[in-house]
Amino acid sequence: MNRLPEINSEIRDSEVPDLREAVGWARRDRDYPALFGCCTFWAAIRNEKGLLIGFGYVAGTGLEHGYMEDILIHPFYQKQGLGKQLVSALLQEAERTGLEIVTVTFAYDHKDFYRSSGFDSCAGGVWRKSV
């Protein structure tokens, strides 16, 4: 059973949208595979049948700073430490590739998770296109 994160493993176009849908997020089908060309790197976790059950990525210029996004764990596999493993794998890859800063935006109810994963809370802002 392979439940260890793999960096930059092959992911089919529909797999991340399927996982996004499973966690209750919008599928955003048109983002994939385009996203993989924009990411600095990504991590994937698969179950024993090869189903994508975890995904996250770091984007940026690849220089000094990266932005972690879309930390997803399939609902059937949550609360088993896989999110921690995923974030840890991404941060290890960030360090390996020379990134010195990784930022992440998260819902307030995930604050303890990200703090225990090594992130400090800080002030920031979000701009959204008006609808």
Protein backbone atom coordinates (compact mmCIF):
# COMPACT_ATOMS: atom_id res chain seq x y z
CA MET A 1 0.00 0.00 0.00
CA ASN A 2 1.65 3.23 -1.17
CA ARG A 3 0.53 6.11 0.97
CA LEU A 4 3.74 8.09 0.82
CA PRO A 5 3.78 11.37 -1.09
CA GLU A 6 5.58 11.27 -4.43
CA ILE A 7 7.02 14.45 -5.90
CA ASN A 8 6.13 15.31 -9.51
CA SER A 9 4.60 11.92 -10.22
CA GLU A 10 2.44 11.48 -13.28
CA ILE A 11 -1.17 12.59 -12.78
CA ARG A 12 -3.91 12.18 -15.38
CA ASP A 13 -5.87 15.30 -16.35
CA SER A 14 -9.08 14.28 -14.55
CA GLU A 15 -7.54 13.03 -11.30
CA VAL A 16 -7.11 16.33 -9.45
CA PRO A 17 -10.54 17.63 -10.54
CA ASP A 18 -12.05 14.34 -9.28
CA LEU A 19 -10.28 14.79 -5.94
CA ARG A 20 -11.34 18.45 -5.70
CA GLU A 21 -14.93 17.33 -6.27
CA ALA A 22 -14.63 14.61 -3.62
CA VAL A 23 -13.65 17.20 -0.99
CA GLY A 24 -16.47 19.53 -2.03
CA TRP A 25 -14.47 22.02 -4.09
CA ALA A 26 -15.14 23.15 -7.66
CA ARG A 27 -13.56 20.78 -10.18
CA ARG A 28 -11.77 23.42 -12.27
CA ASP A 29 -11.16 20.92 -15.09
CA ARG A 30 -9.56 23.50 -17.38
CA ASP A 31 -6.80 24.10 -14.81
CA TYR A 32 -5.41 20.62 -15.41
CA PRO A 33 -2.98 19.81 -16.99
CA ALA A 34 -2.07 23.52 -17.41
CA LEU A 35 -1.32 23.79 -13.69
CA PHE A 36 1.52 21.28 -13.90
CA GLY A 37 3.34 23.56 -16.34
CA CYS A 38 3.09 26.43 -13.86
CA CYS A 39 3.94 24.60 -10.64
CA THR A 40 7.40 24.58 -9.19
CA PHE A 41 6.57 21.05 -7.97
CA TRP A 42 3.66 18.97 -6.67
CA ALA A 43 3.10 15.95 -4.46
CA ALA A 44 0.62 13.10 -4.86
CA ILE A 45 -0.53 10.28 -2.61
CA ARG A 46 -2.24 7.19 -3.99
CA ASN A 47 -4.09 4.37 -2.27
CA GLU A 48 -3.43 0.66 -2.82
CA LYS A 49 -5.58 0.69 -5.98
CA GLY A 50 -3.73 3.66 -7.49
CA LEU A 51 -6.50 6.20 -6.79
CA LEU A 52 -5.24 9.74 -6.18
CA ILE A 53 -6.17 10.42 -2.54
CA GLY A 54 -3.85 13.34 -1.76
CA PHE A 55 -2.49 16.27 -3.72
CA GLY A 56 -0.83 19.61 -3.15
CA TYR A 57 1.60 21.89 -4.94
CA VAL A 58 4.01 24.77 -4.60
CA ALA A 59 4.01 27.46 -7.27
CA GLY A 60 6.23 30.45 -7.78
CA THR A 61 9.26 31.57 -9.69
CA GLY A 62 11.40 28.77 -8.29
CA LEU A 63 13.83 31.31 -6.89
CA GLU A 64 13.49 32.17 -3.21
CA HIS A 65 9.76 32.11 -2.48
CA GLY A 66 6.99 29.62 -3.18
CA TYR A 67 3.27 29.47 -2.50
CA MET A 68 1.70 26.21 -1.27
CA GLU A 69 -1.82 25.59 -2.48
CA ASP A 70 -4.59 23.01 -2.85
CA ILE A 71 -3.70 20.66 -0.02
CA LEU A 72 -6.30 17.99 -0.66
CA ILE A 73 -6.94 14.67 1.07
CA HIS A 74 -9.85 12.50 -0.02
CA PRO A 75 -12.54 12.47 2.73
CA PHE A 76 -12.22 8.68 3.25
CA TYR A 77 -8.53 9.16 4.12
CA GLN A 78 -8.65 12.30 6.27
CA LYS A 79 -7.56 12.30 9.93
CA GLN A 80 -4.90 9.65 9.23
CA GLY A 81 -1.86 11.92 9.07
CA LEU A 82 -1.72 12.04 5.28
CA GLY A 83 -2.16 15.83 5.14
CA LYS A 84 0.86 16.22 7.44
CA GLN A 85 2.86 13.85 5.25
CA LEU A 86 1.86 15.76 2.14
CA VAL A 87 2.78 19.17 3.57
CA SER A 88 6.03 17.78 4.99
CA ALA A 89 7.00 16.30 1.60
CA LEU A 90 6.31 19.63 -0.12
CA LEU A 91 8.37 21.55 2.46
CA GLN A 92 11.24 19.06 2.15
CA GLU A 93 11.19 19.51 -1.62
CA ALA A 94 11.11 23.29 -1.13
CA GLU A 95 14.21 23.06 1.00
CA ARG A 96 15.91 20.67 -1.43
CA THR A 97 15.27 23.02 -4.36
CA GLY A 98 16.51 26.11 -2.49
CA LEU A 99 13.28 27.85 -1.58
CA GLU A 100 13.73 29.89 1.58
CA ILE A 101 10.13 30.98 2.12
CA VAL A 102 6.87 29.11 1.50
CA THR A 103 3.55 30.82 2.16
CA VAL A 104 0.09 29.32 2.36
CA THR A 105 -3.41 30.74 2.74
CA PHE A 106 -5.87 28.67 4.74
CA ALA A 107 -9.26 28.78 6.41
CA TYR A 108 -9.10 29.78 10.07
CA ASP A 109 -10.29 26.35 11.20
CA HIS A 110 -7.09 24.87 9.67
CA LYS A 111 -4.81 27.19 11.64
CA ASP A 112 -3.67 24.53 14.13
CA PHE A 113 -2.87 22.07 11.33
CA TYR A 114 -0.63 24.54 9.49
CA ARG A 115 0.96 25.81 12.69
CA SER A 116 1.83 22.22 13.69
CA SER A 117 3.23 21.74 10.17
CA GLY A 118 5.75 24.54 10.74
CA PHE A 119 3.94 27.63 9.47
CA ASP A 120 3.75 30.86 11.45
CA SER A 121 0.54 32.89 11.20
CA CYS A 122 1.04 36.39 9.86
CA ALA A 123 -0.93 39.29 8.46
CA GLY A 124 -1.76 39.19 4.80
CA GLY A 125 -4.39 40.09 2.30
CA VAL A 126 -6.40 38.58 -0.50
CA TRP A 127 -7.63 40.30 -3.65
CA ARG A 128 -10.55 38.81 -5.56
CA LYS A 129 -11.96 39.81 -8.90
CA SER A 130 -15.37 41.40 -8.45
CA VAL A 131 -18.21 39.45 -10.00
